[in-house]
C-alpha atoms as a PDB file:
ATOM      1  CA  MET A   1      -9.104   6.785 -24.146  1.00  0.00           C
ATOM      2  CA  ASN A   2     -12.604   5.992 -25.194  1.00  0.00           C
ATOM      3  CA  GLN A   3     -14.850   9.134 -25.503  1.00  0.00           C
ATOM      4  CA  SER A   4     -17.659   7.405 -23.175  1.00  0.00           C
ATOM      5  CA  GLU A   5     -15.240   6.689 -20.441  1.00  0.00           C
ATOM      6  CA  PRO A   6     -15.795   9.065 -17.389  1.00  0.00           C
ATOM      7  CA  VAL A   7     -12.812  11.220 -16.749  1.00  0.00           C
ATOM      8  CA  ALA A   8     -11.665  12.113 -13.243  1.00  0.00           C
ATOM      9  CA  PRO A   9     -10.111  15.379 -12.172  1.00  0.00           C
ATOM     10  CA  HIS A  10      -6.481  15.932 -13.465  1.00  0.00           C
ATOM     11  CA  GLY A  11      -7.284  13.877 -16.725  1.00  0.00           C
ATOM     12  CA  ASP A  12      -7.216  10.335 -14.855  1.00  0.00           C
ATOM     13  CA  THR A  13      -9.966   7.929 -15.842  1.00  0.00           C
ATOM     14  CA  PHE A  14     -11.958   6.477 -12.935  1.00  0.00           C
ATOM     15  CA  ASP A  15     -10.710   2.915 -14.161  1.00  0.00           C
ATOM     16  CA  ASP A  16      -7.229   4.230 -13.646  1.00  0.00           C
ATOM     17  CA  LYS A  17      -7.701   5.077 -10.112  1.00  0.00           C
ATOM     18  CA  LEU A  18      -9.578   1.839  -9.323  1.00  0.00           C
ATOM     19  CA  ASP A  19      -6.723  -0.182 -10.791  1.00  0.00           C
ATOM     20  CA  ASP A  20      -4.013   1.889  -8.883  1.00  0.00           C
ATOM     21  CA  ASP A  21      -2.853   0.170  -5.998  1.00  0.00           C
ATOM     22  CA  ASP A  22      -1.248   3.529  -4.757  1.00  0.00           C
ATOM     23  CA  TYR A  23      -4.433   5.564  -5.119  1.00  0.00           C
ATOM     24  CA  PRO A  24      -5.520   6.703  -1.428  1.00  0.00           C
ATOM     25  CA  ALA A  25      -9.052   5.576  -1.766  1.00  0.00           C
ATOM     26  CA  TYR A  26      -9.754   4.538   1.848  1.00  0.00           C
ATOM     27  CA  SER A  27     -10.541   6.770   4.897  1.00  0.00           C
ATOM     28  CA  MET A  28      -8.878   5.619   8.175  1.00  0.00           C
ATOM     29  CA  GLY A  29     -12.561   4.353   9.313  1.00  0.00           C
ATOM     30  CA  ARG A  30     -12.999   2.289   6.303  1.00  0.00           C
ATOM     31  CA  ALA A  31      -9.469   1.039   6.199  1.00  0.00           C
ATOM     32  CA  ALA A  32      -9.846  -0.014   9.951  1.00  0.00           C
ATOM     33  CA  GLU A  33     -13.119  -1.721   9.331  1.00  0.00           C
ATOM     34  CA  ILE A  34     -11.747  -3.754   6.219  1.00  0.00           C
ATOM     35  CA  LEU A  35      -8.793  -4.856   8.163  1.00  0.00           C
ATOM     36  CA  GLY A  36     -10.556  -5.500  11.517  1.00  0.00           C
ATOM     37  CA  VAL A  37      -8.344  -3.246  13.401  1.00  0.00           C
ATOM     38  CA  THR A  38      -8.796  -0.059  15.430  1.00  0.00           C
ATOM     39  CA  PRO A  39      -7.827   3.550  13.938  1.00  0.00           C
ATOM     40  CA  ALA A  40      -5.167   3.529  16.728  1.00  0.00           C
ATOM     41  CA  PHE A  41      -3.483   0.479  15.138  1.00  0.00           C
ATOM     42  CA  LEU A  42      -3.355   2.238  11.967  1.00  0.00           C
ATOM     43  CA  ARG A  43      -1.907   5.314  13.508  1.00  0.00           C
ATOM     44  CA  SER A  44       0.701   3.121  15.265  1.00  0.00           C
ATOM     45  CA  LEU A  45       1.883   1.981  11.807  1.00  0.00           C
ATOM     46  CA  ASP A  46       2.333   5.491  10.686  1.00  0.00           C
ATOM     47  CA  THR A  47       4.355   6.328  13.971  1.00  0.00           C
ATOM     48  CA  ALA A  48       6.497   3.151  13.279  1.00  0.00           C
ATOM     49  CA  LYS A  49       7.035   4.545   9.602  1.00  0.00           C
ATOM     50  CA  LEU A  50       5.669   1.400   7.997  1.00  0.00           C
ATOM     51  CA  ILE A  51       2.949   3.398   6.146  1.00  0.00           C
ATOM     52  CA  ALA A  52       2.583   7.110   5.613  1.00  0.00           C
ATOM     53  CA  PRO A  53      -0.937   7.637   4.493  1.00  0.00           C
ATOM     54  CA  GLN A  54      -1.726  10.552   2.169  1.00  0.00           C
ATOM     55  CA  ARG A  55      -3.938  13.354   3.722  1.00  0.00           C
ATOM     56  CA  SER A  56      -7.170  14.669   2.325  1.00  0.00           C
ATOM     57  CA  GLY A  57      -7.674  18.422   1.928  1.00  0.00           C
ATOM     58  CA  GLY A  58      -9.204  18.408   5.363  1.00  0.00           C
ATOM     59  CA  GLY A  59      -6.167  16.658   6.821  1.00  0.00           C
ATOM     60  CA  HIS A  60      -7.710  13.156   7.157  1.00  0.00           C
ATOM     61  CA  ARG A  61      -5.753  10.039   6.598  1.00  0.00           C
ATOM     62  CA  ARG A  62      -6.133   8.240   3.161  1.00  0.00           C
ATOM     63  CA  TYR A  63      -4.949   4.668   2.657  1.00  0.00           C
ATOM     64  CA  SER A  64      -4.189   2.881  -0.598  1.00  0.00           C
ATOM     65  CA  ARG A  65      -4.661  -0.871  -1.332  1.00  0.00           C
ATOM     66  CA  TYR A  66      -0.959  -1.372  -1.146  1.00  0.00           C
ATOM     67  CA  GLN A  67      -0.912   0.293   2.405  1.00  0.00           C
ATOM     68  CA  LEU A  68      -3.860  -1.933   3.406  1.00  0.00           C
ATOM     69  CA  ARG A  69      -1.896  -4.984   2.452  1.00  0.00           C
ATOM     70  CA  LEU A  70       1.016  -4.033   4.540  1.00  0.00           C
ATOM     71  CA  ALA A  71      -1.218  -3.188   7.432  1.00  0.00           C
ATOM     72  CA  GLN A  72      -2.818  -6.573   7.031  1.00  0.00           C
ATOM     73  CA  ARG A  73       0.584  -8.102   7.205  1.00  0.00           C
ATOM     74  CA  ALA A  74       1.509  -6.304  10.250  1.00  0.00           C
ATOM     75  CA  ARG A  75      -1.727  -7.401  11.920  1.00  0.00           C
ATOM     76  CA  GLU A  76      -0.935 -10.936  11.109  1.00  0.00           C
ATOM     77  CA  LEU A  77       2.614 -10.764  12.690  1.00  0.00           C
ATOM     78  CA  VAL A  78       1.390  -8.844  15.811  1.00  0.00           C
ATOM     79  CA  ASP A  79      -1.350 -11.405  16.227  1.00  0.00           C
ATOM     80  CA  GLN A  80       1.359 -14.058  16.269  1.00  0.00           C
ATOM     81  CA  GLY A  81       3.160 -12.239  19.054  1.00  0.00           C
ATOM     82  CA  THR A  82       5.624 -10.181  17.048  1.00  0.00           C
ATOM     83  CA  PRO A  83       6.238  -6.819  18.657  1.00  0.00           C
ATOM     84  CA  LEU A  84       5.069  -3.932  16.471  1.00  0.00           C
ATOM     85  CA  GLU A  85       8.434  -2.440  15.674  1.00  0.00           C
ATOM     86  CA  ALA A  86       9.735  -5.887  14.839  1.00  0.00           C
ATOM     87  CA  ALA A  87       6.747  -6.681  12.519  1.00  0.00           C
ATOM     88  CA  CYS A  88       7.298  -3.268  10.715  1.00  0.00           C
ATOM     89  CA  ARG A  89      10.921  -3.961  10.057  1.00  0.00           C
ATOM     90  CA  ILE A  90      10.371  -7.518   8.828  1.00  0.00           C
ATOM     91  CA  ILE A  91       7.637  -6.217   6.503  1.00  0.00           C
ATOM     92  CA  ILE A  92       9.935  -3.383   5.179  1.00  0.00           C
ATOM     93  CA  LEU A  93      12.733  -6.063   4.559  1.00  0.00           C
ATOM     94  CA  GLU A  94      10.121  -8.419   2.874  1.00  0.00           C
ATOM     95  CA  ASP A  95       8.962  -5.613   0.583  1.00  0.00           C
ATOM     96  CA  GLN A  96      12.716  -4.577  -0.161  1.00  0.00           C
ATOM     97  CA  LEU A  97      13.425  -8.301  -1.048  1.00  0.00           C
ATOM     98  CA  SER A  98      10.411  -8.597  -3.291  1.00  0.00           C
ATOM     99  CA  GLU A  99      11.375  -5.297  -5.249  1.00  0.00           C
ATOM    100  CA  ALA A 100      15.054  -6.646  -5.550  1.00  0.00           C
ATOM    101  CA  GLN A 101      13.695  -9.970  -6.923  1.00  0.00           C
ATOM    102  CA  ARG A 102      11.445  -8.140  -9.332  1.00  0.00           C
ATOM    103  CA  ILE A 103      14.482  -5.923 -10.671  1.00  0.00           C
ATOM    104  CA  ASN A 104      16.612  -9.053 -10.889  1.00  0.00           C
ATOM    105  CA  ALA A 105      14.076 -10.899 -12.993  1.00  0.00           C
ATOM    106  CA  GLU A 106      13.520  -7.878 -15.269  1.00  0.00           C
ATOM    107  CA  LEU A 107      17.373  -7.466 -15.771  1.00  0.00           C
ATOM    108  CA  GLN A 108      17.645 -11.289 -16.472  1.00  0.00           C
ATOM    109  CA  ARG A 109      14.871 -10.955 -19.146  1.00  0.00           C
ATOM    110  CA  ARG A 110      16.499  -8.141 -20.751  1.00  0.00           C
ATOM    111  CA  ARG A 111      19.973  -9.826 -20.665  1.00  0.00           C
ATOM    112  CA  ALA A 112      18.300 -12.953 -22.305  1.00  0.00           C
ATOM    113  CA  ALA A 113      16.532 -10.801 -24.962  1.00  0.00           C
ATOM    114  CA  ASP A 114      19.887  -9.080 -25.988  1.00  0.00           C
ATOM    115  CA  ARG A 115      21.482 -12.530 -26.763  1.00  0.00           C
END
């Protein structure tokens, strides 16, 4: 870490947090504004267990960029007429498939490197 780089609490640099897709940077109001949805829609995604936002010290929901992408995908599916619960299940399965494909590609790279 460079001496002039600002350091956030807990030793993280601000750049680390800005680059972290899982950092809970957005309040519910800001997240709803970015996505063009209501706070109630975001709460419904929490109830449906698609996203579980972190909580601030005051108990307010905080969303990460990763969670905003999931919420945006849910909005797209719901806007196309997919029921919310089905949309959430589709997104969870898409996410699991993507992770399995990432792991498979990594294992194939390792296997090729070992030859």
